[in-house]
Amino acid sequence: MYALYKGDSFIDLGTKQYLANLLNVKIETITYYMTPAHRKRVKSNAYIVIKIEDDCDKEANQNESI
């Protein structure tokens, strides 16, 4: 899951595909919104995407370490 923000305002939560459809951009653009390079280049009111670890991700990570 990924969280989409515009500046400090939360916009929506969903998959990369969902957020790309919401903004009418490519999935690659959503991936770019997650990078440190994007954060350095943009002003404070730009789109930012943050990966949110959910319970399924936590279980998968725990199973891999066993």
C-alpha atoms as a PDB file:
ATOM      1  CA  MET A   1       0.000   0.000   0.000  1.00  0.00           C
ATOM      2  CA  TYR A   2       1.097   3.532  -0.707  1.00  0.00           C
ATOM      3  CA  ALA A   3       0.012   6.861   0.772  1.00  0.00           C
ATOM      4  CA  LEU A   4      -0.292   9.896  -1.508  1.00  0.00           C
ATOM      5  CA  TYR A   5       0.242  13.377  -0.107  1.00  0.00           C
ATOM      6  CA  LYS A   6       0.189  16.814  -1.655  1.00  0.00           C
ATOM      7  CA  GLY A   7       2.392  18.852   0.608  1.00  0.00           C
ATOM      8  CA  ASP A   8       1.241  18.017   4.133  1.00  0.00           C
ATOM      9  CA  SER A   9      -2.277  17.027   3.032  1.00  0.00           C
ATOM     10  CA  PHE A  10      -3.198  13.357   2.790  1.00  0.00           C
ATOM     11  CA  ILE A  11      -4.902  12.588  -0.542  1.00  0.00           C
ATOM     12  CA  ASP A  12      -5.476   8.826  -0.728  1.00  0.00           C
ATOM     13  CA  LEU A  13      -4.176   5.354   0.036  1.00  0.00           C
ATOM     14  CA  GLY A  14      -3.842   2.503  -2.469  1.00  0.00           C
ATOM     15  CA  THR A  15      -1.681   0.560  -4.865  1.00  0.00           C
ATOM     16  CA  LYS A  16       0.695   2.227  -7.308  1.00  0.00           C
ATOM     17  CA  GLN A  17      -1.761   1.397 -10.106  1.00  0.00           C
ATOM     18  CA  TYR A  18      -4.669   2.977  -8.210  1.00  0.00           C
ATOM     19  CA  LEU A  19      -2.716   6.165  -7.440  1.00  0.00           C
ATOM     20  CA  ALA A  20      -1.495   6.388 -11.046  1.00  0.00           C
ATOM     21  CA  ASN A  21      -5.097   6.154 -12.282  1.00  0.00           C
ATOM     22  CA  LEU A  22      -6.195   8.733  -9.706  1.00  0.00           C
ATOM     23  CA  LEU A  23      -3.611  11.259 -10.925  1.00  0.00           C
ATOM     24  CA  ASN A  24      -3.789  10.153 -14.574  1.00  0.00           C
ATOM     25  CA  VAL A  25      -0.037   9.429 -14.680  1.00  0.00           C
ATOM     26  CA  LYS A  26       2.149   6.378 -15.341  1.00  0.00           C
ATOM     27  CA  ILE A  27       3.089   3.941 -12.586  1.00  0.00           C
ATOM     28  CA  GLU A  28       6.701   5.026 -13.134  1.00  0.00           C
ATOM     29  CA  THR A  29       5.698   8.554 -12.105  1.00  0.00           C
ATOM     30  CA  ILE A  30       4.247   7.254  -8.837  1.00  0.00           C
ATOM     31  CA  THR A  31       7.513   5.365  -8.246  1.00  0.00           C
ATOM     32  CA  TYR A  32       9.460   8.566  -8.936  1.00  0.00           C
ATOM     33  CA  TYR A  33       7.323  10.465  -6.395  1.00  0.00           C
ATOM     34  CA  MET A  34       8.804   8.083  -3.791  1.00  0.00           C
ATOM     35  CA  THR A  35      12.464   8.943  -4.469  1.00  0.00           C
ATOM     36  CA  PRO A  36      14.767  11.242  -2.493  1.00  0.00           C
ATOM     37  CA  ALA A  37      15.676  12.987  -5.773  1.00  0.00           C
ATOM     38  CA  HIS A  38      12.038  14.012  -6.274  1.00  0.00           C
ATOM     39  CA  ARG A  39      11.786  15.352  -2.728  1.00  0.00           C
ATOM     40  CA  LYS A  40      14.918  17.467  -3.215  1.00  0.00           C
ATOM     41  CA  ARG A  41      13.654  18.975  -6.470  1.00  0.00           C
ATOM     42  CA  VAL A  42      10.109  19.892  -5.523  1.00  0.00           C
ATOM     43  CA  LYS A  43       8.554  22.647  -3.514  1.00  0.00           C
ATOM     44  CA  SER A  44       6.531  21.980  -0.379  1.00  0.00           C
ATOM     45  CA  ASN A  45       3.177  21.579  -2.190  1.00  0.00           C
ATOM     46  CA  ALA A  46       4.166  18.717  -4.531  1.00  0.00           C
ATOM     47  CA  TYR A  47       2.916  15.132  -4.647  1.00  0.00           C
ATOM     48  CA  ILE A  48       4.842  12.709  -2.435  1.00  0.00           C
ATOM     49  CA  VAL A  49       4.244   8.948  -2.181  1.00  0.00           C
ATOM     50  CA  ILE A  50       5.207   6.914   0.874  1.00  0.00           C
ATOM     51  CA  LYS A  51       5.135   3.110   1.076  1.00  0.00           C
ATOM     52  CA  ILE A  52       2.992   1.908   3.973  1.00  0.00           C
ATOM     53  CA  GLU A  53       3.808  -1.518   5.387  1.00  0.00           C
ATOM     54  CA  ASP A  54       0.632  -3.432   6.093  1.00  0.00           C
ATOM     55  CA  ASP A  55       0.040  -6.657   8.046  1.00  0.00           C
ATOM     56  CA  CYS A  56       0.578  -8.838   4.947  1.00  0.00           C
ATOM     57  CA  ASP A  57       3.993  -7.246   4.365  1.00  0.00           C
ATOM     58  CA  LYS A  58       4.946  -7.806   7.999  1.00  0.00           C
ATOM     59  CA  GLU A  59       3.941 -11.489   7.866  1.00  0.00           C
ATOM     60  CA  ALA A  60       5.890 -12.033   4.634  1.00  0.00           C
ATOM     61  CA  ASN A  61       9.001 -10.431   6.136  1.00  0.00           C
ATOM     62  CA  GLN A  62       8.708 -12.546   9.285  1.00  0.00           C
ATOM     63  CA  ASN A  63       8.326 -15.765   7.283  1.00  0.00           C
ATOM     64  CA  GLU A  64      11.407 -14.959   5.179  1.00  0.00           C
ATOM     65  CA  SER A  65      13.576 -14.536   8.276  1.00  0.00           C
ATOM     66  CA  ILE A  66      12.623 -17.926   9.724  1.00  0.00           C
END
